Amino acid sequence: MVLNISRLERSCPHMKTDIQIAQEAVLDPILDVARRMGVPQEAVIPYGRTKAKVIAGMLPEKKTPAKVILVTAISPTPAGEGKTTTSVGLADALHRMGKNVCLALREPSLGPVFGIKGGAAGGGYAQVVPMEDINLHFTGDLHAIGAANNLLAAMLDNHIHHGNALGIDPRRITWKRCVDMNDRQLRFLVDGLGGKVNGTPREDGFDITVASEVMAIFCLASSLSDLKQRLARIVVGYTYGGQPVTAGQLHAEGAMTALLKDAFEPNLVQTLEHTPAFVHGGPFANIAHGCNSVAATRCAMKVADYVVTEAGFGADLGAEKFLDIKCRMAGIAPSAVVVVATVRALKHHGGCPKEEYGTPSVEYLAAGSANLRRHVENMQKKFGLPVCVAINAFPTDSAEEHAYLREVCADMGVPCALSEVFAKGGEGGLELAENVLGILEQRPIRFAYPDGMDVDEKLLAVCRDIYGAKDVVYSAAAKKQLAEIKACGFGRLPVCIAKTQYSFSEDASLLGAPEGFTMTVNKVRLSAGAGFVVAEMGSIMTMPGLPKKPAAEAIDVDENGVISGLF
């Protein structure tokens, strides 16, 4: 995940931390929030006073479809971008303007919360609350997803232990266990040791829960029955004869659905300014498809006229997958796209050293603005969507730098707004909200590739047309895996590319808007239940590790149970 600059650097030296702001907020009872949205009381399942599950099937359909506003960003940098903060602030600004608006966001994952980010519920005066609950166990969704994943793993190994009637080759098991924590120690291991009673010895490993196929299925399923059908289609490995083995053949889908039944209903919370927010599902966009659940987005669309949602990391990852995977499957189309940028992040892309982020420099900004141009033009010209830019303001920005970015945006024909939501909440997002309302337009999406293409052609299309690559090459293992996927009849599924978030390329050091590079596919994985093929590029890993100084070191709780350190 992306390292965020200290919140105190964002503001005046005396500004309160995120968690202090959140803890001092007076929240409305969640039943009141639901009532104002028109949600029937019988559809609300409270989890305490300030959060609840909403039974999606009990919400009436709207006559007029809601307009979806997608918030994405430039390629992430250590300087920070602020997509979630901008999303929350934009929704609060629309709320202040009297608009019927709802947020639809992803859930944080414990691994990044205790690892690099230290929290992921927005920041400053643009947060979803209760932030401690959201950032920690929340309503238990991720635990349920992990349990369902690991139930399937247990049933798979149990089947082999008790005679292996399906003829599963232990050397060709593709299903991994998962845990909601960054733990590099679990990436590769050997289990089943200690004699016959302890199972069959084999190579195994863990993914982080948010990278699991169960998480993807959870987020893309349209209903409980669709969820169960998708779970049944999961391919867990291959027989000695090379045939795929599914979760349905292990009769695991019913029990997995039972574990996920309650978690599948979207979670309702609110912002600091009492704007309703559905926070549900949490895949990463660098190693998964990076969007909140279809169920939550559709719930928001039923109760609001405007839905603000977010896709993970830069627009090359999160927005591309939101459009090519989620929108394609769910029949959702955004009416506007907001691309978030910061002056300091663009200067980083222009080669500016970290210690000079706060020193005004139009030269570094000009060099780095190529990254912004590429992302905006992709959304505008490749996907055919109306775009505006949000400059997420830092106190160290100069007026000259802001003026330069407005010129860049004017040259591209897109509106640009200064966003000050971190310090001012919804008030600081009014200019952005006006810009968004001014570009809203119902247009069909031009996808990066058509359905009928083979997976490798789709992969090339994204790498060439969205990233700027010249070519794509495959490792020997990836070639073999792709051939097998095609032979099993999955060769025309959408593609989900797992790569570094820091560059358009697979090389994190290639900043700005590189062109003409070659990308290497190291591994190809089938996610038959989710309905896509994952291509892993470069050194990307589906189980992150903790940094040298994890955010966990600063997190504490006092004798009264008050948590500190979550920013």
Protein backbone atom coordinates (compact mmCIF):
# COMPACT_ATOMS: atom_id res chain seq x y z
CA MET A 1 0.00 0.00 0.00
CA VAL A 2 0.99 3.65 -0.42
CA LEU A 3 2.93 5.45 2.25
CA ASN A 4 1.16 8.61 3.36
CA ILE A 5 3.14 11.59 4.58
CA SER A 6 2.52 12.39 8.25
CA ARG A 7 -0.83 14.07 8.74
CA LEU A 8 0.85 16.81 10.70
CA GLU A 9 2.85 17.70 7.61
CA ARG A 10 -0.44 18.28 5.81
CA SER A 11 -1.62 20.97 8.09
CA CYS A 12 -0.71 23.51 10.72
CA PRO A 13 1.55 22.22 13.49
CA HIS A 14 -1.32 22.28 15.98
CA MET A 15 -3.92 20.42 13.92
CA LYS A 16 -5.37 17.36 15.62
CA THR A 17 -4.55 13.89 14.36
CA ASP A 18 -7.09 11.91 12.36
CA ILE A 19 -8.02 9.69 15.29
CA GLN A 20 -8.42 12.68 17.63
CA ILE A 21 -10.78 14.33 15.15
CA ALA A 22 -12.74 11.08 14.75
CA GLN A 23 -12.97 10.42 18.50
CA GLU A 24 -14.29 13.90 19.19
CA ALA A 25 -17.02 13.65 16.56
CA VAL A 26 -20.65 13.28 17.65
CA LEU A 27 -22.15 10.60 15.43
CA ASP A 28 -25.81 10.24 14.55
CA PRO A 29 -27.47 6.96 15.50
CA ILE A 30 -27.14 4.69 12.49
CA LEU A 31 -30.90 4.07 12.45
CA ASP A 32 -31.37 7.82 11.92
CA VAL A 33 -28.85 7.79 9.06
CA ALA A 34 -30.72 4.89 7.45
CA ARG A 35 -34.12 6.54 7.96
CA ARG A 36 -32.99 9.77 6.25
CA MET A 37 -31.88 7.65 3.27
CA GLY A 38 -35.29 6.02 3.01
CA VAL A 39 -34.05 2.60 4.11
CA PRO A 40 -36.86 0.60 5.75
CA GLN A 41 -36.17 -0.05 9.43
CA GLU A 42 -36.66 -3.79 8.94
CA ALA A 43 -33.78 -3.74 6.42
CA VAL A 44 -31.29 -2.42 9.00
CA ILE A 45 -29.31 -4.79 11.24
CA PRO A 46 -27.47 -2.58 13.79
CA TYR A 47 -23.94 -3.48 14.89
CA GLY A 48 -24.00 -1.26 17.95
CA ARG A 49 -25.10 2.39 17.73
CA THR A 50 -23.03 3.72 14.83
CA LYS A 51 -22.75 0.97 12.23
CA ALA A 52 -25.13 -1.50 10.63
CA LYS A 53 -25.68 -4.07 7.93
CA VAL A 54 -28.34 -3.25 5.34
CA ILE A 55 -30.30 -6.09 3.71
CA ALA A 56 -29.83 -5.19 0.06
CA GLY A 57 -32.81 -7.20 -1.19
CA MET A 58 -35.22 -5.13 0.89
CA LEU A 59 -34.36 -1.81 -0.77
CA PRO A 60 -36.82 -0.61 -3.43
CA GLU A 61 -35.57 0.11 -6.93
CA LYS A 62 -35.29 3.78 -7.95
CA LYS A 63 -37.16 5.07 -10.98
CA THR A 64 -34.28 7.39 -11.90
CA PRO A 65 -30.83 5.74 -11.90
CA ALA A 66 -28.23 7.37 -9.68
CA LYS A 67 -25.21 9.04 -11.22
CA VAL A 68 -21.97 7.31 -10.24
CA ILE A 69 -18.86 9.45 -9.69
CA LEU A 70 -15.59 7.51 -9.78
CA VAL A 71 -12.62 8.90 -7.83
CA THR A 72 -9.19 7.73 -8.95
CA ALA A 73 -5.68 9.20 -8.96
CA ILE A 74 -2.26 9.62 -10.49
CA SER A 75 0.36 6.91 -9.89
CA PRO A 76 0.99 6.74 -6.12
CA THR A 77 4.18 8.12 -4.57
CA PRO A 78 5.62 8.41 -1.04
CA ALA A 79 4.27 11.97 -1.10
CA GLY A 80 0.64 10.82 -0.89
CA GLU A 81 -2.40 11.45 -3.12
CA GLY A 82 -5.55 11.18 -0.97
CA LYS A 83 -8.26 9.37 -2.94
CA THR A 84 -10.35 8.30 0.05
CA THR A 85 -10.02 11.72 1.69
CA THR A 86 -11.09 13.37 -1.57
CA SER A 87 -13.98 10.92 -2.02
CA VAL A 88 -15.30 11.65 1.47
CA GLY A 89 -14.82 15.41 1.11
CA LEU A 90 -16.53 15.45 -2.30
CA ALA A 91 -19.54 13.55 -0.92
CA ASP A 92 -19.72 15.93 2.05
CA ALA A 93 -19.56 18.93 -0.31
CA LEU A 94 -22.43 17.55 -2.41
CA HIS A 95 -24.34 16.92 0.83
CA ARG A 96 -23.78 20.57 1.86
CA MET A 97 -25.21 21.62 -1.51
CA GLY A 98 -28.42 19.76 -0.70
CA LYS A 99 -27.77 16.81 -3.00
CA ASN A 100 -28.97 13.30 -2.15
CA VAL A 101 -25.55 11.63 -2.07
CA CYS A 102 -24.06 8.43 -0.72
CA LEU A 103 -20.50 7.07 -0.55
CA ALA A 104 -19.48 3.53 -1.57
CA LEU A 105 -15.97 2.70 -0.37
CA ARG A 106 -13.70 -0.31 0.26
CA GLU A 107 -12.98 -1.69 3.72
CA PRO A 108 -9.43 -1.31 5.08
CA SER A 109 -7.30 -4.42 5.60
CA LEU A 110 -5.47 -5.09 8.87
CA GLY A 111 -2.17 -5.80 7.09
CA PRO A 112 -1.74 -2.27 5.69
CA VAL A 113 -3.34 -0.67 8.78
CA PHE A 114 -0.60 -2.16 10.96
CA GLY A 115 2.00 -1.99 8.18
CA ILE A 116 2.50 1.16 6.13
CA LYS A 117 -0.73 3.14 6.09
CA GLY A 118 -1.74 3.13 9.74
CA GLY A 119 -5.42 3.60 8.80
CA ALA A 120 -7.56 3.95 5.66
CA ALA A 121 -10.81 5.77 6.43
CA GLY A 122 -9.94 9.16 4.92
CA GLY A 123 -8.12 11.89 6.81
CA GLY A 124 -8.42 15.18 8.66
CA TYR A 125 -11.97 16.52 8.48
CA ALA A 126 -12.92 14.21 5.61
CA GLN A 127 -13.33 10.81 7.26
CA VAL A 128 -15.78 7.95 7.53
CA VAL A 129 -16.52 7.05 11.14
CA PRO A 130 -16.28 5.26 13.54
CA MET A 131 -12.74 5.18 12.14
CA GLU A 132 -11.26 2.82 14.78
CA ASP A 133 -13.93 0.19 14.07
CA ILE A 134 -13.64 0.58 10.29
CA ASN A 135 -9.84 0.29 10.42
CA LEU A 136 -9.83 -2.74 12.74
CA HIS A 137 -12.43 -5.54 12.90
CA PHE A 138 -15.44 -3.50 11.73
CA THR A 139 -18.34 -5.95 11.27
CA GLY A 140 -16.13 -9.00 10.74
CA ASP A 141 -16.41 -9.18 6.94
CA LEU A 142 -12.74 -9.89 6.30
CA HIS A 143 -12.69 -12.56 8.99
CA ALA A 144 -15.64 -14.28 7.28
CA ILE A 145 -13.89 -14.11 3.90
CA GLY A 146 -10.72 -15.61 5.40
CA ALA A 147 -12.75 -18.36 7.10
CA ALA A 148 -14.52 -19.28 3.85
CA ASN A 149 -11.21 -19.35 1.97
CA ASN A 150 -9.53 -21.53 4.59
CA LEU A 151 -12.53 -23.86 4.87
CA LEU A 152 -12.06 -24.66 1.20
CA ALA A 153 -8.33 -25.24 1.78
CA ALA A 154 -9.11 -27.59 4.68
CA MET A 155 -11.71 -29.51 2.66
CA LEU A 156 -9.28 -29.86 -0.23
CA ASP A 157 -6.50 -31.33 1.88
CA ASN A 158 -9.00 -33.46 3.78
CA HIS A 159 -10.25 -34.93 0.50
CA ILE A 160 -6.70 -35.94 -0.41
CA HIS A 161 -6.10 -37.37 3.08
CA HIS A 162 -9.19 -39.58 2.89
CA GLY A 163 -8.43 -41.39 -0.34
CA ASN A 164 -8.36 -38.63 -2.98
CA ALA A 165 -11.34 -39.93 -4.97
CA LEU A 166 -11.00 -37.05 -7.46
CA GLY A 167 -7.37 -37.91 -8.22
CA ILE A 168 -6.05 -34.45 -7.27
CA ASP A 169 -2.33 -34.05 -7.92
CA PRO A 170 -0.84 -32.57 -4.69
CA ARG A 171 1.89 -31.00 -6.83
CA ARG A 172 -0.70 -29.05 -8.83
CA ILE A 173 -2.84 -27.48 -6.11
CA THR A 174 -3.39 -23.79 -6.88
CA TRP A 175 -5.57 -22.85 -3.89
CA LYS A 176 -3.76 -21.00 -1.10
CA ARG A 177 -4.70 -20.23 2.46
CA CYS A 178 -5.05 -16.58 3.45
CA VAL A 179 -4.73 -14.27 6.45
CA ASP A 180 -5.66 -10.59 6.93
CA MET A 181 -2.14 -9.49 7.84
CA ASN A 182 1.09 -8.60 6.05
CA ASP A 183 3.25 -11.64 6.86
CA ARG A 184 6.06 -12.45 4.44
CA GLN A 185 6.95 -15.53 6.54
CA LEU A 186 3.85 -17.25 5.18
CA ARG A 187 4.44 -16.68 1.45
CA PHE A 188 6.01 -20.08 0.79
CA LEU A 189 5.97 -23.04 3.16
CA VAL A 190 5.72 -26.83 3.42
CA ASP A 191 2.90 -28.29 5.50
CA GLY A 192 1.42 -31.69 6.33
CA LEU A 193 4.63 -32.81 8.07
CA GLY A 194 4.90 -35.19 10.99
CA GLY A 195 3.49 -38.44 9.59
CA LYS A 196 0.35 -39.69 7.85
CA VAL A 197 -2.02 -38.53 10.60
CA ASN A 198 -1.09 -34.90 9.88
CA GLY A 199 -1.97 -34.92 6.19
CA THR A 200 -0.01 -35.06 2.95
CA PRO A 201 3.28 -33.11 2.89
CA ARG A 202 3.23 -30.51 0.13
CA GLU A 203 4.31 -27.01 -0.81
CA ASP A 204 1.78 -24.42 0.26
CA GLY A 205 1.50 -20.71 1.03
CA PHE A 206 -0.68 -17.82 2.11
CA ASP A 207 -2.05 -14.77 0.32
CA ILE A 208 -3.31 -11.72 2.15
CA THR A 209 -7.11 -12.01 2.44
CA VAL A 210 -7.78 -9.00 0.21
CA ALA A 211 -5.91 -10.66 -2.66
CA SER A 212 -7.90 -13.89 -2.41
CA GLU A 213 -10.35 -15.06 -5.04
CA VAL A 214 -13.02 -15.29 -2.33
CA MET A 215 -12.65 -11.53 -1.78
CA ALA A 216 -13.01 -10.92 -5.53
CA ILE A 217 -16.09 -13.15 -5.70
CA PHE A 218 -17.54 -11.45 -2.62
CA CYS A 219 -17.14 -8.05 -4.30
CA LEU A 220 -18.38 -9.03 -7.76
CA ALA A 221 -21.36 -11.26 -6.86
CA SER A 222 -24.77 -9.74 -7.57
CA SER A 223 -26.77 -11.87 -5.11
CA LEU A 224 -26.43 -14.70 -2.60
CA SER A 225 -27.25 -17.28 -5.26
CA ASP A 226 -24.71 -15.72 -7.63
CA LEU A 227 -22.17 -15.80 -4.78
CA LYS A 228 -22.73 -19.53 -4.27
CA GLN A 229 -22.51 -20.28 -7.99
CA ARG A 230 -19.25 -18.34 -8.27
CA LEU A 231 -17.78 -20.12 -5.25
CA ALA A 232 -18.63 -23.48 -6.82
CA ARG A 233 -16.66 -22.51 -9.96
CA ILE A 234 -13.40 -21.87 -8.08
CA VAL A 235 -10.61 -24.02 -9.54
CA VAL A 236 -8.49 -25.35 -6.64
CA GLY A 237 -6.04 -27.50 -8.59
CA TYR A 238 -5.70 -30.18 -11.24
CA THR A 239 -5.97 -33.96 -11.40
CA TYR A 240 -3.13 -36.27 -12.35
CA GLY A 241 -4.73 -36.23 -15.82
CA GLY A 242 -4.58 -32.43 -16.02
CA GLN A 243 -8.30 -31.71 -15.52
CA PRO A 244 -9.37 -28.77 -13.31
CA VAL A 245 -10.92 -29.54 -9.92
CA THR A 246 -13.51 -27.12 -8.54
CA ALA A 247 -14.86 -26.20 -5.12
CA GLY A 248 -18.20 -27.57 -6.36
CA GLN A 249 -16.67 -31.01 -6.84
CA LEU A 250 -15.54 -30.83 -3.20
CA HIS A 251 -19.10 -29.80 -2.20
CA ALA A 252 -17.70 -26.75 -0.41
CA GLU A 253 -19.79 -23.93 -1.88
CA GLY A 254 -22.78 -24.31 0.46
CA ALA A 255 -20.74 -24.12 3.65
CA MET A 256 -18.64 -21.27 2.25
CA THR A 257 -21.81 -19.32 1.44
CA ALA A 258 -23.11 -19.97 4.97
CA LEU A 259 -19.94 -18.35 6.36
CA LEU A 260 -20.35 -15.37 4.03
CA LYS A 261 -24.13 -14.90 4.27
CA ASP A 262 -24.18 -12.14 6.88
CA ALA A 263 -20.96 -10.51 5.70
CA PHE A 264 -22.39 -10.23 2.18
CA GLU A 265 -24.86 -7.54 3.26
CA PRO A 266 -23.28 -4.05 2.87
CA ASN A 267 -22.09 -2.05 5.89
CA LEU A 268 -23.63 1.36 6.54
CA VAL A 269 -21.70 4.10 8.38
CA GLN A 270 -21.43 7.90 8.03
CA THR A 271 -18.90 10.67 7.48
CA LEU A 272 -17.97 13.31 10.04
CA GLU A 273 -20.65 15.46 8.39
CA HIS A 274 -23.24 12.64 8.56
CA THR A 275 -23.22 11.79 4.86
CA PRO A 276 -24.21 8.11 4.53
CA ALA A 277 -21.50 5.70 3.43
CA PHE A 278 -21.50 2.03 2.46
CA VAL A 279 -18.07 0.55 3.28
CA HIS A 280 -17.88 -3.02 2.00
CA GLY A 281 -15.26 -5.30 0.43
CA GLY A 282 -11.58 -4.52 0.21
CA PRO A 283 -9.44 -5.89 -2.65
CA PHE A 284 -6.13 -4.14 -3.47
CA ALA A 285 -5.85 -2.75 -6.97
CA ASN A 286 -2.16 -3.66 -7.39
CA ILE A 287 -2.77 -7.40 -6.76
CA ALA A 288 -6.56 -7.72 -7.22
CA HIS A 289 -9.38 -5.80 -8.91
CA GLY A 290 -9.43 -2.94 -6.39
CA CYS A 291 -13.11 -1.95 -6.04
CA ASN A 292 -15.72 -2.10 -3.30
CA SER A 293 -18.57 -4.61 -3.66
CA VAL A 294 -21.16 -4.52 -6.42
CA ALA A 295 -23.76 -5.08 -3.69
CA ALA A 296 -22.70 -1.91 -1.83
CA THR A 297 -22.53 0.21 -4.98
CA ARG A 298 -26.00 -0.93 -6.03
CA CYS A 299 -27.37 -0.24 -2.53
CA ALA A 300 -26.01 3.30 -2.73
CA MET A 301 -27.53 3.70 -6.20
CA LYS A 302 -30.94 2.69 -4.82
CA VAL A 303 -30.99 5.26 -2.01
CA ALA A 304 -29.16 8.25 -3.53
CA ASP A 305 -29.13 10.44 -6.65
CA TYR A 306 -25.33 10.71 -6.61
CA VAL A 307 -22.92 7.93 -5.62
CA VAL A 308 -19.26 8.71 -4.95
CA THR A 309 -17.05 5.66 -5.18
CA GLU A 310 -13.31 5.00 -5.31
CA ALA A 311 -11.00 2.66 -7.19
CA GLY A 312 -7.66 1.70 -5.66
CA PHE A 313 -4.23 3.14 -6.48
CA GLY A 314 -3.68 4.97 -9.80
CA ALA A 315 -6.14 5.09 -12.68
CA ASP A 316 -4.02 2.60 -14.64
CA LEU A 317 -4.85 -0.04 -12.02
CA GLY A 318 -7.99 0.74 -10.02
CA ALA A 319 -9.96 2.70 -12.59
CA GLU A 320 -9.08 0.34 -15.45
CA LYS A 321 -10.29 -2.65 -13.41
CA PHE A 322 -13.36 -0.78 -12.17
CA LEU A 323 -14.31 -0.14 -15.79
CA ASP A 324 -13.12 -3.30 -17.56
CA ILE A 325 -14.12 -5.78 -14.85
CA LYS A 326 -16.68 -4.36 -12.38
CA CYS A 327 -18.67 -2.17 -14.78
CA ARG A 328 -18.63 -4.85 -17.47
CA MET A 329 -19.99 -7.49 -15.06
CA ALA A 330 -22.41 -5.31 -13.09
CA GLY A 331 -23.77 -3.07 -15.83
CA ILE A 332 -22.65 0.08 -13.97
CA ALA A 333 -21.25 3.14 -15.77
CA PRO A 334 -19.75 6.25 -14.13
CA SER A 335 -21.12 9.63 -15.15
CA ALA A 336 -17.88 11.41 -14.18
CA VAL A 337 -14.31 10.57 -13.20
CA VAL A 338 -12.26 12.60 -10.70
CA VAL A 339 -8.48 12.21 -10.99
CA VAL A 340 -6.76 13.20 -7.73
CA ALA A 341 -3.27 14.69 -7.80
CA THR A 342 -0.99 16.55 -5.41
CA VAL A 343 1.68 19.05 -6.28
CA ARG A 344 4.28 17.16 -4.25
CA ALA A 345 3.45 13.79 -5.80
CA LEU A 346 3.75 15.20 -9.32
CA LYS A 347 7.07 16.80 -8.37
CA HIS A 348 8.19 13.33 -7.21
CA HIS A 349 7.29 12.00 -10.67
CA GLY A 350 9.40 14.83 -12.08
CA GLY A 351 12.47 13.68 -10.14
CA CYS A 352 12.19 15.94 -7.08
CA PRO A 353 14.05 14.61 -3.99
CA LYS A 354 11.84 13.93 -0.96
CA GLU A 355 13.53 16.63 1.13
CA GLU A 356 12.53 19.23 -1.50
CA TYR A 357 8.81 18.38 -1.75
CA GLY A 358 7.98 21.54 0.20
CA THR A 359 10.16 23.83 -1.93
CA PRO A 360 8.21 25.46 -4.78
CA SER A 361 9.41 24.26 -8.20
CA VAL A 362 7.40 24.59 -11.38
CA GLU A 363 10.27 22.82 -13.20
CA TYR A 364 9.85 19.56 -11.24
CA LEU A 365 6.07 19.94 -11.48
CA ALA A 366 6.21 20.39 -15.24
CA ALA A 367 8.33 17.26 -15.63
CA GLY A 368 6.00 15.21 -13.43
CA SER A 369 2.74 16.47 -14.89
CA ALA A 370 3.16 13.96 -17.73
CA ASN A 371 1.86 11.35 -15.27
CA LEU A 372 -1.32 13.35 -14.71
CA ARG A 373 -1.75 13.89 -18.45
CA ARG A 374 -1.52 10.15 -19.19
CA HIS A 375 -4.11 9.21 -16.55
CA VAL A 376 -6.54 11.94 -17.61
CA GLU A 377 -6.19 11.14 -21.31
CA ASN A 378 -6.74 7.43 -20.62
CA MET A 379 -10.04 8.16 -18.88
CA GLN A 380 -11.00 10.79 -21.45
CA LYS A 381 -9.90 9.30 -24.73
CA LYS A 382 -9.51 5.55 -24.14
CA PHE A 383 -12.63 5.02 -22.00
CA GLY A 384 -14.60 8.01 -23.31
CA LEU A 385 -15.60 9.43 -19.91
CA PRO A 386 -15.93 13.04 -18.67
CA VAL A 387 -13.05 13.95 -16.33
CA CYS A 388 -12.11 16.63 -13.86
CA VAL A 389 -8.96 16.97 -11.72
CA ALA A 390 -8.80 17.52 -7.97
CA ILE A 391 -5.60 19.12 -6.64
CA ASN A 392 -5.39 17.80 -3.08
CA ALA A 393 -3.86 20.82 -1.37
CA PHE A 394 -0.87 20.83 0.97
CA PRO A 395 0.23 23.91 2.94
CA THR A 396 3.64 23.81 1.22
CA ASP A 397 2.09 24.22 -2.26
CA SER A 398 2.67 27.58 -3.92
CA ALA A 399 0.07 29.63 -5.80
CA GLU A 400 2.32 29.46 -8.85
CA GLU A 401 2.30 25.65 -8.75
CA HIS A 402 -1.48 25.55 -8.46
CA ALA A 403 -1.78 27.97 -11.35
CA TYR A 404 0.51 25.79 -13.48
CA LEU A 405 -1.62 22.68 -12.86
CA ARG A 406 -4.76 24.61 -13.80
CA GLU A 407 -3.03 25.52 -17.09
CA VAL A 408 -2.14 21.86 -17.70
CA CYS A 409 -5.76 20.85 -17.14
CA ALA A 410 -7.08 23.67 -19.32
CA ASP A 411 -4.76 22.47 -22.09
CA MET A 412 -6.35 19.00 -21.78
CA GLY A 413 -9.84 20.50 -21.78
CA VAL A 414 -10.76 19.34 -18.27
CA PRO A 415 -11.84 21.42 -15.27
CA CYS A 416 -9.55 21.57 -12.26
CA ALA A 417 -10.41 22.34 -8.63
CA LEU A 418 -8.36 22.95 -5.51
CA SER A 419 -9.50 20.47 -2.87
CA GLU A 420 -9.02 21.48 0.77
CA VAL A 421 -11.22 18.81 2.31
CA PHE A 422 -8.51 17.50 4.65
CA ALA A 423 -8.47 20.79 6.57
CA LYS A 424 -12.00 22.05 5.90
CA GLY A 425 -14.21 19.00 5.30
CA GLY A 426 -17.06 19.42 2.84
CA GLU A 427 -16.58 23.18 2.71
CA GLY A 428 -13.14 22.62 1.18
CA GLY A 429 -14.65 20.50 -1.60
CA LEU A 430 -17.31 22.87 -2.90
CA GLU A 431 -15.32 23.95 -5.96
CA LEU A 432 -14.65 20.31 -6.80
CA ALA A 433 -18.33 19.43 -6.35
CA GLU A 434 -19.35 22.26 -8.70
CA ASN A 435 -16.90 20.98 -11.31
CA VAL A 436 -18.19 17.42 -10.97
CA LEU A 437 -21.82 18.52 -11.36
CA GLY A 438 -20.80 20.48 -14.43
CA ILE A 439 -19.37 17.48 -16.29
CA LEU A 440 -21.88 14.76 -15.33
CA GLU A 441 -22.98 12.94 -18.42
CA GLN A 442 -24.46 9.51 -19.10
CA ARG A 443 -22.18 7.93 -21.69
CA PRO A 444 -21.47 4.34 -22.62
CA ILE A 445 -18.01 3.11 -21.58
CA ARG A 446 -15.47 2.36 -24.26
CA PHE A 447 -13.72 -0.63 -22.70
CA ALA A 448 -9.99 -1.20 -23.16
CA TYR A 449 -10.79 -4.47 -24.95
CA PRO A 450 -13.87 -6.32 -26.30
CA ASP A 451 -15.22 -9.51 -24.72
CA GLY A 452 -14.34 -11.65 -27.73
CA MET A 453 -10.55 -11.21 -27.50
CA ASP A 454 -8.29 -13.93 -26.10
CA VAL A 455 -6.77 -13.25 -22.67
CA ASP A 456 -3.30 -12.55 -24.05
CA GLU A 457 -4.73 -10.06 -26.56
CA LYS A 458 -6.63 -8.30 -23.75
CA LEU A 459 -3.46 -8.16 -21.68
CA LEU A 460 -1.53 -6.63 -24.57
CA ALA A 461 -4.30 -4.08 -25.15
CA VAL A 462 -4.16 -2.84 -21.55
CA CYS A 463 -0.35 -2.79 -21.45
CA ARG A 464 -0.04 -1.01 -24.78
CA ASP A 465 -3.03 1.36 -24.75
CA ILE A 466 -3.29 2.19 -21.01
CA TYR A 467 0.27 1.75 -19.71
CA GLY A 468 2.22 2.83 -22.80
CA ALA A 469 4.17 -0.44 -23.20
CA LYS A 470 5.65 -1.58 -26.49
CA ASP A 471 5.37 -5.31 -25.92
CA VAL A 472 4.51 -8.07 -23.44
CA VAL A 473 6.64 -11.19 -22.95
CA TYR A 474 5.93 -14.32 -20.91
CA SER A 475 8.11 -16.48 -18.71
CA ALA A 476 8.20 -20.17 -19.62
CA ALA A 477 5.97 -20.95 -16.62
CA ALA A 478 3.47 -18.21 -17.58
CA LYS A 479 3.27 -19.52 -21.17
CA LYS A 480 2.46 -22.99 -19.87
CA GLN A 481 -0.13 -21.66 -17.41
CA LEU A 482 -1.82 -19.55 -20.10
CA ALA A 483 -1.98 -22.49 -22.51
CA GLU A 484 -3.58 -24.62 -19.81
CA ILE A 485 -6.15 -21.94 -18.97
CA LYS A 486 -7.09 -21.69 -22.65
CA ALA A 487 -7.31 -25.48 -22.98
CA CYS A 488 -9.76 -25.58 -20.06
CA GLY A 489 -12.07 -23.11 -21.82
CA PHE A 490 -11.23 -19.93 -19.90
CA GLY A 491 -9.21 -18.17 -22.58
CA ARG A 492 -11.58 -15.22 -23.15
CA LEU A 493 -12.15 -14.03 -19.60
CA PRO A 494 -11.30 -10.42 -18.64
CA VAL A 495 -7.76 -9.86 -17.40
CA CYS A 496 -6.74 -8.54 -13.97
CA ILE A 497 -3.13 -7.32 -14.02
CA ALA A 498 -1.09 -7.48 -10.82
CA LYS A 499 1.85 -5.08 -10.96
CA THR A 500 3.53 -2.30 -9.02
CA GLN A 501 1.31 0.68 -8.32
CA TYR A 502 4.17 3.18 -8.47
CA SER A 503 4.65 3.20 -12.25
CA PHE A 504 2.76 2.62 -15.47
CA SER A 505 5.38 -0.08 -16.07
CA GLU A 506 6.34 -3.07 -13.90
CA ASP A 507 9.46 -1.17 -12.77
CA ALA A 508 8.67 1.09 -9.77
CA SER A 509 11.62 3.34 -10.62
CA LEU A 510 10.16 4.38 -14.02
CA LEU A 511 8.26 7.48 -12.91
CA GLY A 512 6.22 10.01 -14.88
CA ALA A 513 4.79 8.62 -18.12
CA PRO A 514 7.31 6.12 -19.55
CA GLU A 515 6.79 4.70 -23.05
CA GLY A 516 8.14 1.91 -25.20
CA PHE A 517 9.01 -0.48 -22.37
CA THR A 518 8.48 -4.25 -22.33
CA MET A 519 6.41 -5.92 -19.61
CA THR A 520 7.04 -9.47 -18.39
CA VAL A 521 4.33 -11.83 -17.21
CA ASN A 522 5.81 -14.14 -14.58
CA LYS A 523 2.67 -16.01 -13.61
CA VAL A 524 -0.87 -16.46 -14.88
CA ARG A 525 -3.60 -17.55 -12.44
CA LEU A 526 -7.17 -18.53 -13.16
CA SER A 527 -9.89 -16.99 -10.97
CA ALA A 528 -12.81 -18.85 -12.53
CA GLY A 529 -15.26 -17.94 -9.76
CA ALA A 530 -14.43 -14.24 -9.92
CA GLY A 531 -14.57 -14.44 -13.70
CA PHE A 532 -11.13 -13.20 -14.68
CA VAL A 533 -7.53 -14.28 -15.27
CA VAL A 534 -4.79 -12.73 -13.11
CA ALA A 535 -1.46 -11.87 -14.76
CA GLU A 536 1.36 -11.21 -12.28
CA MET A 537 4.08 -8.89 -13.58
CA GLY A 538 7.47 -7.88 -12.26
CA SER A 539 8.22 -8.52 -8.60
CA ILE A 540 4.63 -8.09 -7.36
CA MET A 541 3.62 -10.36 -4.45
CA THR A 542 0.16 -11.33 -3.24
CA MET A 543 1.39 -11.44 0.36
CA PRO A 544 2.98 -8.10 1.35
CA GLY A 545 5.46 -7.77 4.20
CA LEU A 546 5.66 -5.27 7.03
CA PRO A 547 8.05 -2.29 6.61
CA LYS A 548 11.13 -1.77 8.79
CA LYS A 549 9.10 0.44 11.12
CA PRO A 550 5.48 -0.78 10.98
CA ALA A 551 2.64 1.57 11.83
CA ALA A 552 1.76 -0.98 14.54
CA GLU A 553 4.64 0.33 16.65
CA ALA A 554 2.80 3.63 17.14
CA ILE A 555 -0.65 2.15 17.84
CA ASP A 556 -1.66 1.85 21.49
CA VAL A 557 -4.68 1.74 23.80
CA ASP A 558 -5.00 3.28 27.29
CA GLU A 559 -6.65 1.87 30.41
CA ASN A 560 -9.98 3.40 29.33
CA GLY A 561 -9.87 1.61 25.99
CA VAL A 562 -9.06 4.73 23.95
CA ILE A 563 -6.97 3.86 20.90
CA SER A 564 -4.17 6.11 19.65
CA GLY A 565 -1.74 5.94 16.74
CA LEU A 566 -4.22 5.17 13.92
CA PHE A 567 -3.11 8.55 12.57
